[in-house]
Each structure stands twice: as C-alpha cells, then as structure tokens.
N, C-alpha and C. Protein backbone atom coordinates (compact mmCIF):
# COMPACT_ATOMS: atom_id res chain seq x y z
N UNK A 1 5.76 -36.07 39.49
CA UNK A 1 6.93 -35.20 39.39
C UNK A 1 7.12 -34.46 40.70
N UNK A 2 8.36 -34.42 41.18
CA UNK A 2 8.63 -33.60 42.36
C UNK A 2 9.36 -32.32 41.95
N UNK A 3 9.55 -31.44 42.92
CA UNK A 3 10.13 -30.13 42.60
C UNK A 3 11.53 -30.26 42.02
N UNK A 4 12.30 -31.27 42.48
CA UNK A 4 13.66 -31.47 41.99
C UNK A 4 13.66 -31.89 40.52
N UNK A 5 12.75 -32.81 40.18
CA UNK A 5 12.67 -33.29 38.80
C UNK A 5 12.32 -32.16 37.83
N UNK A 6 11.57 -31.17 38.33
CA UNK A 6 11.14 -30.06 37.48
C UNK A 6 12.32 -29.32 36.86
N UNK A 7 13.47 -29.36 37.54
CA UNK A 7 14.64 -28.65 37.03
C UNK A 7 15.20 -29.31 35.77
N UNK A 8 15.00 -30.61 35.63
CA UNK A 8 15.73 -31.36 34.61
C UNK A 8 14.90 -31.85 33.44
N UNK A 9 13.58 -31.68 33.49
CA UNK A 9 12.78 -32.26 32.43
C UNK A 9 12.78 -31.37 31.18
N UNK A 10 12.43 -31.97 30.06
CA UNK A 10 12.31 -31.21 28.81
C UNK A 10 10.94 -30.54 28.82
N UNK A 11 10.92 -29.24 28.65
CA UNK A 11 9.67 -28.50 28.72
C UNK A 11 9.05 -28.31 27.34
N UNK A 12 7.72 -28.21 27.33
CA UNK A 12 7.00 -27.93 26.09
C UNK A 12 7.05 -26.42 25.81
N UNK A 13 6.59 -26.04 24.62
CA UNK A 13 6.52 -24.61 24.28
C UNK A 13 5.49 -23.89 25.16
N UNK A 14 4.46 -24.62 25.59
CA UNK A 14 3.37 -24.02 26.35
C UNK A 14 3.27 -24.65 27.74
N UNK A 15 3.29 -23.81 28.77
CA UNK A 15 3.27 -24.29 30.16
C UNK A 15 2.14 -23.61 30.92
N UNK A 16 1.36 -24.41 31.63
CA UNK A 16 0.33 -23.87 32.54
C UNK A 16 0.73 -24.28 33.96
N UNK A 17 0.97 -23.29 34.82
CA UNK A 17 1.34 -23.55 36.22
C UNK A 17 0.15 -23.16 37.10
N UNK A 18 -0.32 -24.10 37.91
CA UNK A 18 -1.59 -23.92 38.62
C UNK A 18 -1.44 -24.21 40.12
N UNK A 19 -1.98 -23.32 40.95
CA UNK A 19 -2.19 -23.63 42.37
C UNK A 19 -3.51 -24.38 42.47
N UNK A 20 -3.41 -25.70 42.59
CA UNK A 20 -4.61 -26.55 42.59
C UNK A 20 -5.56 -26.25 43.74
N UNK A 21 -5.00 -25.97 44.91
CA UNK A 21 -5.85 -25.67 46.06
C UNK A 21 -6.66 -24.39 45.83
N UNK A 22 -6.04 -23.43 45.18
CA UNK A 22 -6.73 -22.16 44.91
C UNK A 22 -7.87 -22.35 43.92
N UNK A 23 -7.60 -23.03 42.78
CA UNK A 23 -8.68 -23.19 41.80
C UNK A 23 -9.82 -24.03 42.37
N UNK A 24 -9.50 -24.97 43.26
CA UNK A 24 -10.54 -25.79 43.88
C UNK A 24 -11.45 -24.93 44.77
N UNK A 25 -10.82 -24.01 45.49
CA UNK A 25 -11.58 -23.12 46.38
C UNK A 25 -12.47 -22.17 45.57
N UNK A 26 -11.92 -21.64 44.49
CA UNK A 26 -12.70 -20.74 43.63
C UNK A 26 -13.85 -21.50 42.97
N UNK A 27 -13.58 -22.72 42.51
CA UNK A 27 -14.63 -23.53 41.89
C UNK A 27 -15.76 -23.80 42.87
N UNK A 28 -15.42 -24.09 44.12
CA UNK A 28 -16.44 -24.33 45.15
C UNK A 28 -17.34 -23.10 45.31
N UNK A 29 -16.72 -21.92 45.41
CA UNK A 29 -17.49 -20.69 45.58
C UNK A 29 -18.42 -20.45 44.38
N UNK A 30 -17.92 -20.71 43.18
CA UNK A 30 -18.75 -20.53 41.99
C UNK A 30 -19.92 -21.50 41.96
N UNK A 31 -19.66 -22.75 42.33
CA UNK A 31 -20.73 -23.75 42.34
C UNK A 31 -21.83 -23.33 43.31
N UNK A 32 -21.44 -22.92 44.52
CA UNK A 32 -22.43 -22.50 45.53
C UNK A 32 -23.24 -21.31 45.02
N UNK A 33 -22.56 -20.31 44.48
CA UNK A 33 -23.25 -19.09 44.04
C UNK A 33 -24.16 -19.34 42.84
N UNK A 34 -23.69 -20.12 41.87
CA UNK A 34 -24.48 -20.31 40.66
C UNK A 34 -25.58 -21.34 40.83
N UNK A 35 -25.43 -22.27 41.76
CA UNK A 35 -26.57 -23.15 42.06
C UNK A 35 -27.73 -22.32 42.61
N UNK A 36 -27.38 -21.34 43.42
CA UNK A 36 -28.41 -20.45 43.98
C UNK A 36 -29.02 -19.57 42.87
N UNK A 37 -28.17 -19.02 42.03
CA UNK A 37 -28.64 -18.12 40.99
C UNK A 37 -29.45 -18.83 39.91
N UNK A 38 -28.95 -19.99 39.46
CA UNK A 38 -29.59 -20.69 38.34
C UNK A 38 -30.61 -21.72 38.78
N UNK A 39 -30.67 -21.95 40.09
CA UNK A 39 -31.64 -22.89 40.66
C UNK A 39 -31.52 -24.28 40.03
N UNK A 40 -30.30 -24.74 39.91
CA UNK A 40 -30.05 -26.11 39.41
C UNK A 40 -28.72 -26.59 39.97
N UNK A 41 -28.53 -27.89 39.91
CA UNK A 41 -27.26 -28.45 40.38
C UNK A 41 -26.16 -28.12 39.38
N UNK A 42 -25.03 -27.67 39.88
CA UNK A 42 -23.87 -27.39 39.04
C UNK A 42 -22.87 -28.53 39.21
N UNK A 43 -22.47 -29.19 38.12
CA UNK A 43 -21.53 -30.31 38.24
C UNK A 43 -20.11 -29.82 38.51
N UNK A 44 -19.26 -30.75 38.95
CA UNK A 44 -17.84 -30.44 39.10
C UNK A 44 -17.28 -30.01 37.75
N UNK A 45 -16.29 -29.14 37.77
CA UNK A 45 -15.69 -28.66 36.52
C UNK A 45 -14.95 -29.79 35.81
N UNK A 46 -15.08 -29.84 34.50
CA UNK A 46 -14.35 -30.81 33.67
C UNK A 46 -12.90 -30.31 33.55
N UNK A 47 -11.97 -31.03 34.17
CA UNK A 47 -10.59 -30.53 34.22
C UNK A 47 -9.99 -30.36 32.83
N UNK A 48 -10.22 -31.31 31.94
CA UNK A 48 -9.66 -31.22 30.59
C UNK A 48 -10.18 -29.99 29.86
N UNK A 49 -11.49 -29.76 29.94
CA UNK A 49 -12.09 -28.60 29.29
C UNK A 49 -11.51 -27.31 29.88
N UNK A 50 -11.34 -27.30 31.20
CA UNK A 50 -10.80 -26.11 31.85
C UNK A 50 -9.38 -25.82 31.36
N UNK A 51 -8.54 -26.84 31.25
CA UNK A 51 -7.17 -26.66 30.78
C UNK A 51 -7.15 -26.11 29.35
N UNK A 52 -8.04 -26.62 28.51
CA UNK A 52 -8.14 -26.11 27.13
C UNK A 52 -8.56 -24.65 27.13
N UNK A 53 -9.54 -24.30 27.97
CA UNK A 53 -9.99 -22.90 28.05
C UNK A 53 -8.88 -21.97 28.52
N UNK A 54 -8.09 -22.44 29.50
CA UNK A 54 -6.96 -21.63 29.98
C UNK A 54 -5.96 -21.39 28.85
N UNK A 55 -5.69 -22.44 28.08
CA UNK A 55 -4.75 -22.30 26.95
C UNK A 55 -5.28 -21.30 25.92
N UNK A 56 -6.56 -21.36 25.63
CA UNK A 56 -7.16 -20.42 24.68
C UNK A 56 -7.10 -18.99 25.22
N UNK A 57 -7.43 -18.83 26.51
CA UNK A 57 -7.34 -17.50 27.13
C UNK A 57 -5.90 -17.01 27.19
N UNK A 58 -4.96 -17.95 27.19
CA UNK A 58 -3.54 -17.61 27.18
C UNK A 58 -2.99 -17.36 25.78
N UNK A 59 -3.88 -17.18 24.81
CA UNK A 59 -3.54 -16.79 23.43
C UNK A 59 -2.93 -17.92 22.59
N UNK A 60 -3.20 -19.17 22.97
CA UNK A 60 -2.73 -20.29 22.15
C UNK A 60 -3.67 -20.45 20.96
N UNK A 61 -3.10 -20.42 19.76
CA UNK A 61 -3.90 -20.53 18.54
C UNK A 61 -4.09 -22.01 18.19
N UNK A 62 -5.19 -22.33 17.46
CA UNK A 62 -5.40 -23.72 17.05
C UNK A 62 -4.18 -24.29 16.32
N UNK A 63 -3.89 -25.55 16.60
CA UNK A 63 -2.75 -26.22 15.98
C UNK A 63 -2.39 -27.46 16.77
N UNK A 64 -1.45 -28.23 16.25
CA UNK A 64 -1.04 -29.47 16.91
C UNK A 64 0.06 -29.18 17.93
N UNK A 65 -0.33 -28.57 19.05
CA UNK A 65 0.63 -28.14 20.07
C UNK A 65 0.83 -29.22 21.14
N UNK A 66 1.85 -28.98 21.97
CA UNK A 66 2.03 -29.74 23.21
C UNK A 66 2.02 -28.73 24.36
N UNK A 67 1.17 -28.97 25.34
CA UNK A 67 1.04 -28.07 26.48
C UNK A 67 1.19 -28.87 27.76
N UNK A 68 2.07 -28.40 28.64
CA UNK A 68 2.24 -29.06 29.94
C UNK A 68 1.46 -28.31 31.01
N UNK A 69 0.73 -29.05 31.81
CA UNK A 69 -0.02 -28.49 32.94
C UNK A 69 0.63 -29.00 34.22
N UNK A 70 1.12 -28.09 35.05
CA UNK A 70 1.75 -28.48 36.32
C UNK A 70 0.85 -28.02 37.46
N UNK A 71 0.35 -28.99 38.22
CA UNK A 71 -0.56 -28.72 39.34
C UNK A 71 0.19 -28.79 40.66
N UNK A 72 0.22 -27.71 41.40
CA UNK A 72 0.81 -27.70 42.74
C UNK A 72 -0.31 -27.83 43.77
N UNK A 73 -0.07 -28.64 44.80
CA UNK A 73 -1.11 -28.78 45.83
C UNK A 73 -0.48 -29.16 47.16
N UNK A 74 -1.14 -28.75 48.24
CA UNK A 74 -0.71 -29.16 49.58
C UNK A 74 -0.80 -30.68 49.69
N UNK A 75 0.17 -31.28 50.32
CA UNK A 75 0.19 -32.74 50.48
C UNK A 75 -1.06 -33.25 51.20
N UNK A 76 -1.62 -32.42 52.09
CA UNK A 76 -2.80 -32.86 52.85
C UNK A 76 -4.06 -32.91 51.99
N UNK A 77 -4.01 -32.35 50.78
CA UNK A 77 -5.16 -32.38 49.86
C UNK A 77 -4.84 -33.31 48.69
N UNK A 78 -5.18 -34.60 48.80
CA UNK A 78 -4.78 -35.54 47.75
C UNK A 78 -5.61 -35.45 46.47
N UNK A 79 -6.71 -34.69 46.53
CA UNK A 79 -7.53 -34.58 45.32
C UNK A 79 -8.27 -33.24 45.28
N UNK A 80 -8.70 -32.90 44.08
CA UNK A 80 -9.56 -31.74 43.87
C UNK A 80 -10.98 -32.14 44.26
N UNK A 81 -11.68 -31.29 44.97
CA UNK A 81 -13.04 -31.61 45.40
C UNK A 81 -14.09 -31.17 44.39
N UNK A 82 -13.72 -30.25 43.49
CA UNK A 82 -14.73 -29.63 42.62
C UNK A 82 -14.37 -29.72 41.14
N UNK A 83 -13.54 -30.71 40.81
CA UNK A 83 -13.16 -31.00 39.42
C UNK A 83 -13.28 -32.50 39.18
N UNK A 84 -13.37 -32.86 37.92
CA UNK A 84 -13.30 -34.26 37.54
C UNK A 84 -12.46 -34.38 36.26
N UNK A 85 -11.49 -35.31 36.19
CA UNK A 85 -11.01 -36.17 37.26
C UNK A 85 -10.38 -35.35 38.38
N UNK A 86 -10.20 -36.01 39.56
CA UNK A 86 -9.88 -35.24 40.75
C UNK A 86 -8.62 -35.68 41.51
N UNK A 87 -8.35 -36.97 41.55
CA UNK A 87 -7.24 -37.47 42.36
C UNK A 87 -5.90 -37.13 41.71
N UNK A 88 -5.08 -36.33 42.41
CA UNK A 88 -3.82 -35.87 41.83
C UNK A 88 -2.93 -37.02 41.38
N UNK A 89 -2.71 -37.98 42.28
CA UNK A 89 -1.75 -39.03 42.00
C UNK A 89 -2.32 -40.11 41.08
N UNK A 90 -3.57 -40.51 41.33
CA UNK A 90 -4.15 -41.64 40.59
C UNK A 90 -4.75 -41.25 39.25
N UNK A 91 -5.27 -40.04 39.13
CA UNK A 91 -6.03 -39.69 37.92
C UNK A 91 -5.42 -38.55 37.09
N UNK A 92 -4.52 -37.77 37.69
CA UNK A 92 -4.01 -36.60 36.98
C UNK A 92 -2.52 -36.67 36.68
N UNK A 93 -1.71 -37.01 37.68
CA UNK A 93 -0.25 -36.99 37.49
C UNK A 93 0.19 -38.00 36.43
N UNK A 94 0.95 -37.52 35.45
CA UNK A 94 1.46 -38.40 34.41
C UNK A 94 0.46 -38.74 33.33
N UNK A 95 -0.71 -38.12 33.37
CA UNK A 95 -1.74 -38.38 32.37
C UNK A 95 -1.66 -37.36 31.24
N UNK A 96 -2.30 -37.69 30.12
CA UNK A 96 -2.34 -36.79 28.98
C UNK A 96 -3.67 -36.94 28.26
N UNK A 97 -4.06 -35.90 27.55
CA UNK A 97 -5.25 -36.01 26.70
C UNK A 97 -5.03 -35.17 25.45
N UNK A 98 -5.79 -35.49 24.42
CA UNK A 98 -5.65 -34.81 23.12
C UNK A 98 -6.90 -33.97 22.89
N UNK A 99 -6.68 -32.71 22.54
CA UNK A 99 -7.78 -31.83 22.16
C UNK A 99 -7.74 -31.63 20.65
N UNK A 100 -8.91 -31.75 20.01
CA UNK A 100 -8.96 -31.66 18.55
C UNK A 100 -8.45 -30.32 18.03
N UNK A 101 -8.62 -29.28 18.81
CA UNK A 101 -8.26 -27.93 18.38
C UNK A 101 -6.82 -27.54 18.72
N UNK A 102 -6.35 -27.98 19.91
CA UNK A 102 -5.07 -27.47 20.42
C UNK A 102 -3.97 -28.51 20.60
N UNK A 103 -4.28 -29.77 20.35
CA UNK A 103 -3.24 -30.79 20.46
C UNK A 103 -3.18 -31.46 21.82
N UNK A 104 -1.98 -31.89 22.23
CA UNK A 104 -1.83 -32.72 23.43
C UNK A 104 -1.57 -31.89 24.69
N UNK A 105 -2.22 -32.30 25.77
CA UNK A 105 -2.00 -31.71 27.09
C UNK A 105 -1.42 -32.79 28.00
N UNK A 106 -0.29 -32.50 28.63
CA UNK A 106 0.37 -33.45 29.53
C UNK A 106 0.27 -32.89 30.95
N UNK A 107 -0.23 -33.69 31.88
CA UNK A 107 -0.49 -33.21 33.24
C UNK A 107 0.50 -33.82 34.23
N UNK A 108 1.06 -32.97 35.08
CA UNK A 108 1.88 -33.43 36.20
C UNK A 108 1.43 -32.73 37.46
N UNK A 109 1.53 -33.41 38.58
CA UNK A 109 1.19 -32.77 39.85
C UNK A 109 2.40 -32.84 40.78
N UNK A 110 2.53 -31.81 41.60
CA UNK A 110 3.61 -31.74 42.59
C UNK A 110 2.99 -31.48 43.95
N UNK A 111 3.17 -32.41 44.89
CA UNK A 111 2.68 -32.22 46.25
C UNK A 111 3.73 -31.45 47.04
N UNK A 112 3.29 -30.37 47.68
CA UNK A 112 4.21 -29.58 48.51
C UNK A 112 3.81 -29.75 49.97
N UNK A 113 4.62 -29.19 50.86
CA UNK A 113 4.27 -29.24 52.29
C UNK A 113 2.98 -28.49 52.56
N UNK A 114 2.51 -28.55 53.77
CA UNK A 114 1.22 -27.96 54.09
C UNK A 114 1.30 -26.46 54.40
N UNK A 115 2.49 -25.89 54.32
CA UNK A 115 2.63 -24.45 54.53
C UNK A 115 2.44 -23.74 53.19
N UNK A 116 1.60 -22.71 53.19
CA UNK A 116 1.36 -21.94 51.96
C UNK A 116 2.66 -21.42 51.37
N UNK A 117 3.56 -20.97 52.24
CA UNK A 117 4.82 -20.40 51.78
C UNK A 117 5.63 -21.40 50.96
N UNK A 118 5.55 -22.70 51.31
CA UNK A 118 6.32 -23.70 50.57
C UNK A 118 5.77 -23.85 49.16
N UNK A 119 4.45 -23.88 49.02
CA UNK A 119 3.86 -24.01 47.69
C UNK A 119 4.19 -22.79 46.83
N UNK A 120 4.12 -21.61 47.43
CA UNK A 120 4.47 -20.38 46.70
C UNK A 120 5.93 -20.41 46.25
N UNK A 121 6.81 -20.92 47.11
CA UNK A 121 8.23 -21.01 46.76
C UNK A 121 8.42 -21.95 45.57
N UNK A 122 7.73 -23.09 45.58
CA UNK A 122 7.83 -24.05 44.48
C UNK A 122 7.30 -23.41 43.19
N UNK A 123 6.17 -22.71 43.30
CA UNK A 123 5.59 -22.05 42.12
C UNK A 123 6.57 -21.04 41.52
N UNK A 124 7.18 -20.22 42.37
CA UNK A 124 8.11 -19.21 41.89
C UNK A 124 9.38 -19.84 41.32
N UNK A 125 9.88 -20.90 41.97
CA UNK A 125 11.06 -21.60 41.45
C UNK A 125 10.77 -22.22 40.08
N UNK A 126 9.58 -22.81 39.97
CA UNK A 126 9.17 -23.43 38.71
C UNK A 126 9.05 -22.37 37.62
N UNK A 127 8.47 -21.23 37.96
CA UNK A 127 8.34 -20.14 37.00
C UNK A 127 9.71 -19.67 36.52
N UNK A 128 10.65 -19.49 37.46
CA UNK A 128 12.00 -19.05 37.08
C UNK A 128 12.67 -20.09 36.19
N UNK A 129 12.43 -21.37 36.48
CA UNK A 129 13.01 -22.45 35.67
C UNK A 129 12.52 -22.36 34.23
N UNK A 130 11.20 -22.24 34.03
CA UNK A 130 10.67 -22.23 32.65
C UNK A 130 10.98 -20.92 31.94
N UNK A 131 11.12 -19.83 32.69
CA UNK A 131 11.52 -18.55 32.08
C UNK A 131 12.91 -18.66 31.46
N UNK A 132 13.75 -19.52 32.04
CA UNK A 132 15.13 -19.66 31.57
C UNK A 132 15.29 -20.72 30.48
N UNK A 133 14.19 -21.38 30.12
CA UNK A 133 14.27 -22.40 29.07
C UNK A 133 13.83 -21.78 27.74
N UNK A 134 14.75 -21.80 26.77
CA UNK A 134 14.47 -21.17 25.48
C UNK A 134 13.30 -21.78 24.73
N UNK A 135 13.05 -23.09 24.94
CA UNK A 135 11.98 -23.73 24.18
C UNK A 135 10.60 -23.34 24.67
N UNK A 136 10.51 -22.76 25.87
CA UNK A 136 9.21 -22.36 26.41
C UNK A 136 8.84 -20.99 25.84
N UNK A 137 7.71 -20.92 25.14
CA UNK A 137 7.29 -19.67 24.49
C UNK A 137 6.08 -19.03 25.18
N UNK A 138 5.28 -19.84 25.86
CA UNK A 138 4.02 -19.33 26.41
C UNK A 138 3.82 -19.89 27.81
N UNK A 139 3.62 -18.99 28.79
CA UNK A 139 3.44 -19.42 30.18
C UNK A 139 2.13 -18.85 30.71
N UNK A 140 1.29 -19.72 31.22
CA UNK A 140 0.02 -19.32 31.83
C UNK A 140 0.09 -19.66 33.31
N UNK A 141 -0.14 -18.68 34.16
CA UNK A 141 0.04 -18.87 35.60
C UNK A 141 -1.30 -18.64 36.30
N UNK A 142 -1.70 -19.62 37.12
CA UNK A 142 -2.91 -19.49 37.93
C UNK A 142 -2.49 -19.57 39.39
N UNK A 143 -2.06 -18.43 39.97
CA UNK A 143 -1.58 -18.42 41.35
C UNK A 143 -2.74 -18.16 42.30
N UNK A 144 -2.46 -18.19 43.60
CA UNK A 144 -3.43 -17.70 44.58
C UNK A 144 -3.42 -16.18 44.48
N UNK A 145 -4.32 -15.65 43.67
CA UNK A 145 -4.31 -14.21 43.38
C UNK A 145 -4.77 -13.37 44.55
N UNK A 146 -5.26 -14.02 45.61
CA UNK A 146 -5.68 -13.28 46.80
C UNK A 146 -4.50 -13.02 47.74
N UNK A 147 -3.35 -13.63 47.42
CA UNK A 147 -2.15 -13.45 48.23
C UNK A 147 -1.35 -12.27 47.65
N UNK A 148 -1.52 -11.09 48.24
CA UNK A 148 -0.89 -9.89 47.71
C UNK A 148 0.63 -9.98 47.68
N UNK A 149 1.20 -10.66 48.70
CA UNK A 149 2.66 -10.80 48.75
C UNK A 149 3.15 -11.62 47.56
N UNK A 150 2.47 -12.72 47.26
CA UNK A 150 2.85 -13.57 46.12
C UNK A 150 2.73 -12.79 44.82
N UNK A 151 1.63 -12.06 44.65
CA UNK A 151 1.42 -11.30 43.41
C UNK A 151 2.51 -10.23 43.25
N UNK A 152 2.92 -9.63 44.35
CA UNK A 152 3.99 -8.63 44.31
C UNK A 152 5.30 -9.26 43.82
N UNK A 153 5.60 -10.46 44.32
CA UNK A 153 6.83 -11.15 43.88
C UNK A 153 6.71 -11.55 42.41
N UNK A 154 5.51 -11.98 42.00
CA UNK A 154 5.29 -12.33 40.58
C UNK A 154 5.56 -11.13 39.68
N UNK A 155 5.04 -9.97 40.08
CA UNK A 155 5.26 -8.76 39.29
C UNK A 155 6.77 -8.49 39.12
N UNK A 156 7.51 -8.62 40.23
CA UNK A 156 8.95 -8.38 40.19
C UNK A 156 9.65 -9.41 39.29
N UNK A 157 9.26 -10.68 39.44
CA UNK A 157 9.88 -11.77 38.66
C UNK A 157 9.66 -11.57 37.17
N UNK A 158 8.48 -11.06 36.80
CA UNK A 158 8.12 -10.95 35.38
C UNK A 158 8.40 -9.57 34.79
N UNK A 159 8.95 -8.68 35.60
CA UNK A 159 9.10 -7.28 35.20
C UNK A 159 9.89 -7.10 33.91
N UNK A 160 10.97 -7.87 33.76
CA UNK A 160 11.88 -7.65 32.62
C UNK A 160 11.73 -8.70 31.52
N UNK A 161 10.65 -9.46 31.55
CA UNK A 161 10.46 -10.50 30.54
C UNK A 161 10.01 -9.86 29.22
N UNK A 162 10.65 -10.27 28.12
CA UNK A 162 10.32 -9.76 26.79
C UNK A 162 9.11 -10.51 26.25
N UNK A 163 8.00 -9.79 26.03
CA UNK A 163 6.76 -10.44 25.57
C UNK A 163 6.92 -11.07 24.19
N UNK A 164 7.91 -10.62 23.43
CA UNK A 164 8.15 -11.23 22.12
C UNK A 164 8.71 -12.64 22.27
N UNK A 165 9.43 -12.88 23.37
CA UNK A 165 10.06 -14.18 23.59
C UNK A 165 9.20 -15.11 24.44
N UNK A 166 8.50 -14.53 25.43
CA UNK A 166 7.66 -15.33 26.33
C UNK A 166 6.30 -14.63 26.45
N UNK A 167 5.25 -15.30 25.98
CA UNK A 167 3.90 -14.77 26.13
C UNK A 167 3.37 -15.21 27.50
N UNK A 168 3.21 -14.27 28.41
CA UNK A 168 2.82 -14.63 29.77
C UNK A 168 1.43 -14.10 30.09
N UNK A 169 0.58 -14.97 30.65
CA UNK A 169 -0.76 -14.58 31.08
C UNK A 169 -0.95 -15.03 32.52
N UNK A 170 -1.43 -14.11 33.35
CA UNK A 170 -1.73 -14.42 34.75
C UNK A 170 -3.25 -14.38 34.92
N UNK A 171 -3.78 -15.40 35.58
CA UNK A 171 -5.23 -15.52 35.77
C UNK A 171 -5.62 -15.19 37.21
N UNK A 172 -6.68 -14.40 37.35
CA UNK A 172 -7.19 -14.03 38.68
C UNK A 172 -8.69 -13.77 38.55
N UNK A 173 -9.36 -13.72 39.69
CA UNK A 173 -10.80 -13.47 39.66
C UNK A 173 -11.11 -11.98 39.47
N UNK A 174 -10.17 -11.13 39.84
CA UNK A 174 -10.32 -9.68 39.67
C UNK A 174 -9.08 -9.16 38.95
N UNK A 175 -9.23 -8.05 38.19
CA UNK A 175 -8.05 -7.48 37.54
C UNK A 175 -6.96 -7.13 38.56
N UNK A 176 -5.71 -7.41 38.20
CA UNK A 176 -4.57 -7.11 39.07
C UNK A 176 -3.94 -5.79 38.62
N UNK A 177 -3.47 -5.03 39.58
CA UNK A 177 -2.83 -3.75 39.24
C UNK A 177 -1.44 -3.97 38.68
N UNK A 178 -1.15 -3.29 37.57
CA UNK A 178 0.21 -3.29 37.02
C UNK A 178 0.68 -4.66 36.58
N UNK A 179 1.96 -4.76 36.32
CA UNK A 179 2.55 -6.04 35.95
C UNK A 179 2.85 -6.13 34.46
N UNK A 180 4.01 -6.68 34.13
CA UNK A 180 4.43 -6.87 32.75
C UNK A 180 3.94 -8.22 32.24
N UNK A 181 2.62 -8.36 32.16
CA UNK A 181 2.01 -9.61 31.69
C UNK A 181 0.57 -9.33 31.29
N UNK A 182 0.05 -10.20 30.43
CA UNK A 182 -1.37 -10.13 30.08
C UNK A 182 -2.17 -10.71 31.25
N UNK A 183 -3.44 -10.31 31.35
CA UNK A 183 -4.31 -10.82 32.41
C UNK A 183 -5.59 -11.38 31.82
N UNK A 184 -6.12 -12.39 32.50
CA UNK A 184 -7.43 -12.94 32.14
C UNK A 184 -8.20 -13.24 33.42
N UNK A 185 -9.52 -13.16 33.31
CA UNK A 185 -10.38 -13.48 34.46
C UNK A 185 -10.54 -15.00 34.55
N UNK A 186 -10.16 -15.57 35.67
CA UNK A 186 -10.19 -17.02 35.88
C UNK A 186 -11.60 -17.59 35.81
N UNK A 187 -12.58 -16.83 36.27
CA UNK A 187 -13.95 -17.35 36.37
C UNK A 187 -14.55 -17.81 35.06
N UNK A 188 -14.18 -17.16 33.95
CA UNK A 188 -14.79 -17.53 32.66
C UNK A 188 -14.49 -18.98 32.29
N UNK A 189 -13.23 -19.37 32.44
CA UNK A 189 -12.84 -20.75 32.08
C UNK A 189 -13.50 -21.76 33.01
N UNK A 190 -13.62 -21.40 34.29
CA UNK A 190 -14.25 -22.32 35.24
C UNK A 190 -15.75 -22.49 34.95
N UNK A 191 -16.42 -21.40 34.66
CA UNK A 191 -17.85 -21.49 34.35
C UNK A 191 -18.08 -22.35 33.12
N UNK A 192 -17.25 -22.16 32.09
CA UNK A 192 -17.40 -22.95 30.88
C UNK A 192 -17.18 -24.44 31.16
N UNK A 193 -16.18 -24.75 32.01
CA UNK A 193 -15.88 -26.14 32.35
C UNK A 193 -16.97 -26.78 33.21
N UNK A 194 -17.83 -25.94 33.81
CA UNK A 194 -18.98 -26.42 34.59
C UNK A 194 -20.26 -26.47 33.76
N UNK A 195 -20.16 -26.09 32.49
CA UNK A 195 -21.33 -26.11 31.63
C UNK A 195 -22.28 -24.95 31.85
N UNK A 196 -21.76 -23.82 32.33
CA UNK A 196 -22.59 -22.63 32.55
C UNK A 196 -22.28 -21.63 31.43
N UNK A 197 -23.28 -21.29 30.65
CA UNK A 197 -23.08 -20.37 29.53
C UNK A 197 -23.49 -18.96 29.92
N UNK A 198 -22.93 -17.98 29.21
CA UNK A 198 -23.30 -16.59 29.48
C UNK A 198 -24.77 -16.35 29.16
N UNK A 199 -25.30 -17.05 28.15
CA UNK A 199 -26.71 -16.86 27.78
C UNK A 199 -27.63 -17.36 28.90
N UNK A 200 -27.24 -18.45 29.58
CA UNK A 200 -28.05 -18.95 30.71
C UNK A 200 -28.06 -17.93 31.86
N UNK A 201 -26.90 -17.33 32.11
CA UNK A 201 -26.82 -16.32 33.17
C UNK A 201 -27.66 -15.10 32.80
N UNK A 202 -27.57 -14.68 31.53
CA UNK A 202 -28.34 -13.51 31.09
C UNK A 202 -29.84 -13.74 31.20
N UNK A 203 -30.28 -14.94 30.87
CA UNK A 203 -31.72 -15.25 30.97
C UNK A 203 -32.20 -15.13 32.41
N UNK A 204 -31.36 -15.54 33.36
CA UNK A 204 -31.74 -15.48 34.77
C UNK A 204 -31.76 -14.05 35.29
N UNK A 205 -30.83 -13.24 34.78
CA UNK A 205 -30.74 -11.86 35.25
C UNK A 205 -31.92 -11.02 34.77
N UNK A 206 -32.42 -11.33 33.55
CA UNK A 206 -33.49 -10.52 32.97
C UNK A 206 -34.81 -10.64 33.72
C-alpha cells in the first residue's frame, strides 16, 4: 500500500499506525539491556504477538474483530532487524493472521522517503484520514515519541476528538505530558513479544 492508496481503502474498526523504524530501534535497545540483565540471549520480538498486545493495551476486548496494522518505514530500511517476520515487502505487506482471542489482523506497509519529516507527514495524513472515517472506532498510534515536534502536532490533531466516537491510545516509552488520548507504555508489549516476563525480571532484581 502506498500513501495515495491509503485515502481510498475501506478501513477496519480498529487501526494500529506504527513507525516501524522507531519500534525497531526501541526493540534493539531492550534486547541489549535485557540480555545483560537476564544473562541470556533475547530473541527477536514476535511481530504477531506484539500486534495483539498493542490491540489489548489499546482497550480492544475479546471478540471476532478485524484490526488493520499500518507500518511506516524509511525506504532505505527494507526490513525490521529485531522482529520476526521482518521483511516489509516480502513477509509483512498484504499479510494477515488470526488471533484466537481478538480475530483477524491485516498488515500493510508503506515505504516513505529517507527524510524523517516525510514519514511524519505520512503518519499525520494517515491519522487524519482514519479520524474522518466513521467506521473507524479505535486508533492505536506508535509514533517516534522522542520527536517532541511530532508529539506536539499529535496533541493538536487529537485535541477535539470525542473519546466516545474514537478510542485513541498513543504508545511511548515514557509518559507523555497532556493530550486528549489514553497512553500506554510501549515497552510492556515489546517485552512480552520477546518472551520476557515480569516474574523473570523480578527474580533477577531480588
């Protein structure tokens, strides 16, 4: 899917919009840190499990749902380095999987130019598109939360959204100040998708 096609497709009730380069970078940092802490090899994150965890953190209740996952990435990065499956075009774009608890997940990827600003523009345009579609009820956004300018624009874009009509959750590694949206910590879903449990971390800390 390209950015132009995004304007015309039929959207699901549940949408996950992801900066793929950002989650890959965060996953790398977590793998390095937790391999040191837990003294074991940490596998690449299971992408399907991660998407399910994001949907659950985004307040999706069990049921036979349809959820669309849109992955944005710089054209120079053809694959995720710290997830499996990883190749955007060959393994992720146009693919789908079924979760016993939450139903079907449909994955699309959009390659943007190598300028960060272009990917942010596509993300914001995509967000505005799905905000204007009545059938979309739940939006989960995983932006580059370290980009203060982007987060500021997100806050403005989401300021007047009615939570009764659109349930919006923004994911970041640290709590974000203000904003008319629910927030979740991104790290929890990534750790779970890597097979790292809170009990294992607690045992190491003690």
